[in-house]
Amino acid sequence: MLKLELPPLSTLILIFLLFLCPQSSISRTLTKRCGVTQCGNVNISHPFRLKTQPPECGDRRFELDCEADINQLTFFRRYNKFQVHEIFYENSTLTVSYQNQVTGNCSLPPTGRFNEDFFFCEKLLFPAWLIDDEKLRDRYRFLYIVNCTSPVNSSIYVGADRCRNRSSDSFPTGSFFYFLDRDTTFPRDFDQSCTVVADWIPIKGKKNITALSTAEIYEKLSMGFELTWSNPQGQDLCSGELSFTQCETF
């Protein structure tokens, strides 16, 4: 009678772990340094990869897309598409912006909550000001974007419509978009006709946005913000200590 030989216990455990977490295990196994490639003026190397590269190159969690027709390096998150302006491998940071704010067209302002596009608990890409330097946070203002069913006549509401005469297909009937400064806007300031469609949107500058024009706000949006993929101190990015950006819900 043939004797059935079972594999060692360690092998069985490994197979079980691969069954539970196949994607993460594969991404770590296939991660490989494949040199430097380029999109526009941006150099791409490990841990980043392009969609067109062989599957073993880079880390699939950091996959980028080179849009050849416009020569831009982009990636998509939960709500928005972002353009990568620069990658600084020496300090593990990159500068990105909302893509539709760079093109200068009549597209709507960003939507969704910033910390849902960059879910801090996933420990992949998160705002550099959480990790690098508390002073970096002071270089930014943070915005609400609201959609109102009627015009709002208030000095704290800065119009977010670049092209009010846009077509009805791209601009919903009865929609009026505004920027609000998150640091100085309180619950009593929200008009009943308005709904928050974006939150924690960062722009560079310390000046309250009520002192800026719509064009100036979009110019600052196009300058982008810093993200990092490094957390050397192992900070808990969902802890109460990081209350201004913790994983919260409305």
Protein backbone atom coordinates (compact mmCIF):
# COMPACT_ATOMS: atom_id res chain seq x y z
CA MET A 1 0.00 0.00 0.00
CA LEU A 2 1.30 3.43 -0.92
CA LYS A 3 2.04 5.70 1.99
CA LEU A 4 0.69 9.23 1.65
CA GLU A 5 3.32 11.80 2.61
CA LEU A 6 1.94 15.12 3.78
CA PRO A 7 3.94 18.31 3.21
CA PRO A 8 5.65 19.91 6.20
CA LEU A 9 3.52 22.06 8.52
CA SER A 10 5.37 25.24 7.43
CA THR A 11 4.38 24.58 3.81
CA LEU A 12 0.74 24.12 4.78
CA ILE A 13 0.78 27.41 6.71
CA LEU A 14 2.29 29.25 3.71
CA ILE A 15 -0.38 27.83 1.39
CA PHE A 16 -3.07 28.89 3.85
CA LEU A 17 -1.69 32.45 4.01
CA LEU A 18 -1.51 32.68 0.23
CA PHE A 19 -5.14 31.59 0.07
CA LEU A 20 -6.16 34.31 2.53
CA CYS A 21 -4.11 37.14 1.04
CA PRO A 22 -3.23 36.24 -2.54
CA GLN A 23 -2.99 39.77 -3.92
CA SER A 24 -0.75 41.23 -1.23
CA SER A 25 1.46 38.12 -1.24
CA ILE A 26 1.83 38.19 -5.01
CA SER A 27 2.64 41.90 -5.04
CA ARG A 28 5.45 41.38 -2.54
CA THR A 29 6.76 38.33 -4.38
CA LEU A 30 6.78 39.94 -7.82
CA THR A 31 8.15 43.31 -6.77
CA LYS A 32 11.29 43.87 -8.81
CA ARG A 33 13.52 46.81 -9.62
CA CYS A 34 13.38 47.27 -13.38
CA GLY A 35 15.44 50.41 -13.76
CA VAL A 36 14.10 53.85 -14.64
CA THR A 37 11.42 54.71 -17.18
CA GLN A 38 9.97 58.12 -17.95
CA CYS A 39 6.67 59.87 -18.62
CA GLY A 40 6.97 63.49 -19.64
CA ASN A 41 9.59 64.97 -17.33
CA VAL A 42 8.96 62.52 -14.50
CA ASN A 43 11.25 59.55 -13.84
CA ILE A 44 9.51 56.38 -12.64
CA SER A 45 11.33 53.70 -10.68
CA HIS A 46 10.72 51.39 -7.71
CA PRO A 47 8.32 51.29 -5.89
CA PHE A 48 6.30 52.90 -8.70
CA ARG A 49 5.48 51.23 -11.98
CA LEU A 50 3.64 52.03 -15.20
CA LYS A 51 0.66 49.99 -16.35
CA THR A 52 2.59 49.15 -19.52
CA GLN A 53 5.57 47.62 -17.70
CA PRO A 54 6.01 43.86 -17.20
CA PRO A 55 3.94 42.63 -14.23
CA GLU A 56 7.00 41.84 -12.12
CA CYS A 57 8.24 45.46 -12.21
CA GLY A 58 7.60 47.72 -9.25
CA ASP A 59 4.75 47.42 -6.78
CA ARG A 60 1.25 47.15 -8.25
CA ARG A 61 -0.12 49.15 -5.35
CA PHE A 62 1.84 52.11 -6.76
CA GLU A 63 0.80 51.73 -10.38
CA LEU A 64 0.74 54.88 -12.52
CA ASP A 65 -0.59 55.61 -15.98
CA CYS A 66 1.31 57.57 -18.63
CA GLU A 67 -1.26 59.32 -20.80
CA ALA A 68 0.77 59.57 -23.98
CA ASP A 69 -1.61 61.90 -25.80
CA ILE A 70 -1.12 64.63 -23.18
CA ASN A 71 2.25 63.39 -21.87
CA GLN A 72 1.04 63.30 -18.26
CA LEU A 73 1.65 60.86 -15.44
CA THR A 74 -1.61 60.14 -13.62
CA PHE A 75 -3.35 57.79 -11.21
CA PHE A 76 -6.94 57.36 -10.13
CA ARG A 77 -8.24 57.10 -6.60
CA ARG A 78 -11.72 56.61 -5.23
CA TYR A 79 -13.18 59.92 -6.42
CA ASN A 80 -10.64 61.81 -8.50
CA LYS A 81 -7.83 61.49 -11.00
CA PHE A 82 -4.50 63.03 -10.02
CA GLN A 83 -1.54 64.24 -12.04
CA VAL A 84 1.98 63.55 -10.76
CA HIS A 85 4.26 66.55 -11.24
CA GLU A 86 7.43 65.31 -9.54
CA ILE A 87 8.67 62.29 -7.60
CA PHE A 88 11.44 62.81 -5.03
CA TYR A 89 12.92 59.42 -4.27
CA GLU A 90 15.50 60.84 -1.86
CA ASN A 91 12.81 61.73 0.69
CA SER A 92 9.96 59.48 -0.52
CA THR A 93 7.59 62.27 -1.55
CA LEU A 94 5.74 63.25 -4.69
CA THR A 95 3.88 66.38 -5.75
CA VAL A 96 0.44 65.79 -7.23
CA SER A 97 -2.64 67.80 -8.13
CA TYR A 98 -6.21 67.14 -9.15
CA GLN A 99 -5.87 66.59 -12.89
CA ASN A 100 -8.97 68.48 -13.96
CA GLN A 101 -7.68 71.56 -12.13
CA VAL A 102 -4.50 71.60 -14.21
CA THR A 103 -6.07 71.53 -17.64
CA GLY A 104 -7.71 74.94 -17.16
CA ASN A 105 -10.98 73.79 -18.70
CA CYS A 106 -14.52 74.19 -17.40
CA SER A 107 -14.52 70.97 -15.41
CA LEU A 108 -16.19 70.88 -12.02
CA PRO A 109 -14.08 71.29 -8.86
CA PRO A 110 -12.88 68.17 -6.97
CA THR A 111 -15.46 65.97 -5.28
CA GLY A 112 -15.29 63.52 -2.40
CA ARG A 113 -13.45 63.67 0.87
CA PHE A 114 -9.67 64.00 0.69
CA ASN A 115 -9.08 61.26 3.25
CA GLU A 116 -11.21 58.85 1.19
CA ASP A 117 -9.06 59.43 -1.89
CA PHE A 118 -6.00 58.95 0.33
CA PHE A 119 -7.26 56.56 2.97
CA PHE A 120 -4.61 57.04 5.63
CA CYS A 121 -5.17 53.66 7.25
CA GLU A 122 -4.04 51.79 4.12
CA LYS A 123 -0.44 52.99 4.67
CA LEU A 124 0.32 53.51 0.98
CA LEU A 125 0.17 57.17 -0.02
CA PHE A 126 -0.71 59.81 2.54
CA PRO A 127 -0.17 63.55 3.06
CA ALA A 128 3.45 64.43 3.72
CA TRP A 129 2.45 66.92 6.41
CA LEU A 130 1.35 64.03 8.63
CA ILE A 131 4.83 62.54 8.66
CA ASP A 132 7.46 65.08 7.68
CA ASP A 133 7.03 68.26 9.65
CA GLU A 134 4.22 69.90 11.61
CA LYS A 135 5.23 73.20 10.01
CA LEU A 136 4.37 71.75 6.61
CA ARG A 137 0.73 71.65 7.66
CA ASP A 138 0.88 75.42 8.24
CA ARG A 139 1.72 75.94 4.57
CA TYR A 140 -1.77 74.81 3.56
CA ARG A 141 -5.35 75.94 3.83
CA PHE A 142 -8.11 73.34 3.63
CA LEU A 143 -11.37 73.77 1.78
CA TYR A 144 -14.94 72.61 1.70
CA ILE A 145 -16.62 72.56 -1.69
CA VAL A 146 -20.39 72.86 -1.56
CA ASN A 147 -23.11 72.46 -4.16
CA CYS A 148 -26.09 74.75 -3.59
CA THR A 149 -29.49 74.65 -5.25
CA SER A 150 -29.63 78.46 -5.38
CA PRO A 151 -27.07 81.30 -5.35
CA VAL A 152 -25.66 82.25 -1.93
CA ASN A 153 -24.94 85.89 -1.20
CA SER A 154 -22.27 85.71 1.49
CA SER A 155 -18.68 86.97 1.69
CA ILE A 156 -17.43 83.61 2.99
CA TYR A 157 -18.75 81.77 -0.08
CA VAL A 158 -16.23 82.03 -2.93
CA GLY A 159 -17.62 80.96 -6.30
CA ALA A 160 -16.15 77.72 -7.66
CA ASP A 161 -17.66 78.04 -11.15
CA ARG A 162 -15.04 78.89 -13.75
CA CYS A 163 -17.45 78.67 -16.67
CA ARG A 164 -20.94 79.47 -15.56
CA ASN A 165 -22.25 79.15 -19.13
CA ARG A 166 -21.11 75.56 -19.50
CA SER A 167 -23.36 73.04 -21.26
CA SER A 168 -26.22 71.47 -19.33
CA ASP A 169 -24.62 68.02 -19.70
CA SER A 170 -21.56 68.96 -17.64
CA PHE A 171 -23.25 71.46 -15.34
CA PRO A 172 -26.35 70.18 -13.53
CA THR A 173 -29.38 72.45 -13.57
CA GLY A 174 -29.81 74.35 -10.31
CA SER A 175 -26.24 73.74 -9.11
CA PHE A 176 -24.06 76.51 -7.74
CA PHE A 177 -20.61 75.50 -6.49
CA TYR A 178 -18.69 77.41 -3.82
CA PHE A 179 -15.43 77.15 -1.88
CA LEU A 180 -15.48 77.56 1.91
CA ASP A 181 -12.44 77.94 4.15
CA ARG A 182 -12.50 74.90 6.43
CA ASP A 183 -10.57 76.57 9.26
CA THR A 184 -12.99 79.46 9.63
CA THR A 185 -16.35 77.95 8.59
CA PHE A 186 -18.67 76.77 11.35
CA PRO A 187 -21.89 74.72 11.21
CA ARG A 188 -23.99 77.88 11.51
CA ASP A 189 -22.36 79.21 8.32
CA PHE A 190 -23.73 76.47 6.05
CA ASP A 191 -26.66 77.58 3.97
CA GLN A 192 -29.57 75.13 4.04
CA SER A 193 -29.58 74.95 0.24
CA CYS A 194 -26.00 73.63 0.17
CA THR A 195 -24.51 70.16 0.37
CA VAL A 196 -20.84 69.41 1.03
CA VAL A 197 -19.44 67.57 -2.02
CA ALA A 198 -15.73 67.75 -1.11
CA ASP A 199 -13.83 68.09 2.15
CA TRP A 200 -10.23 68.62 3.31
CA ILE A 201 -9.16 69.84 -0.16
CA PRO A 202 -5.64 71.28 0.34
CA ILE A 203 -4.27 74.42 -1.31
CA LYS A 204 -0.91 76.02 -0.67
CA GLY A 205 -0.94 79.32 1.16
CA LYS A 206 -1.77 80.73 4.58
CA LYS A 207 -4.23 83.38 3.41
CA ASN A 208 -7.93 82.87 4.08
CA ILE A 209 -9.58 82.06 0.77
CA THR A 210 -12.11 84.86 1.21
CA ALA A 211 -9.26 87.14 0.16
CA LEU A 212 -8.75 85.18 -3.07
CA SER A 213 -10.59 85.18 -6.37
CA THR A 214 -11.94 82.03 -8.00
CA ALA A 215 -9.06 82.09 -10.51
CA GLU A 216 -6.48 82.44 -7.73
CA ILE A 217 -7.91 79.45 -5.85
CA TYR A 218 -7.75 77.28 -8.98
CA GLU A 219 -4.19 78.44 -9.58
CA LYS A 220 -3.26 77.27 -6.07
CA LEU A 221 -5.08 73.98 -6.64
CA SER A 222 -3.01 73.45 -9.78
CA MET A 223 0.20 73.84 -7.72
CA GLY A 224 -0.66 70.58 -6.01
CA PHE A 225 0.36 69.13 -2.67
CA GLU A 226 2.86 66.64 -1.28
CA LEU A 227 2.24 62.96 -0.63
CA THR A 228 4.63 60.43 0.87
CA TRP A 229 4.94 56.67 0.84
CA SER A 230 7.26 56.61 3.86
CA ASN A 231 6.25 56.39 7.50
CA PRO A 232 9.59 55.76 9.26
CA GLN A 233 8.22 56.30 12.77
CA GLY A 234 5.30 53.96 12.19
CA GLN A 235 2.70 56.54 13.18
CA ASP A 236 -0.90 55.38 13.52
CA LEU A 237 -2.51 57.54 10.85
CA CYS A 238 -5.99 56.84 12.19
CA SER A 239 -5.30 57.76 15.79
CA GLY A 240 -7.05 60.58 17.61
CA GLU A 241 -3.74 62.47 17.73
CA LEU A 242 -4.19 63.20 14.04
CA SER A 243 -7.71 64.50 14.45
CA PHE A 244 -7.65 66.95 11.55
CA THR A 245 -7.24 64.10 9.09
CA GLN A 246 -8.18 60.94 10.90
CA CYS A 247 -10.50 58.41 9.27
CA GLU A 248 -13.74 60.05 10.22
CA THR A 249 -17.28 60.02 8.91
CA PHE A 250 -19.88 62.74 8.63
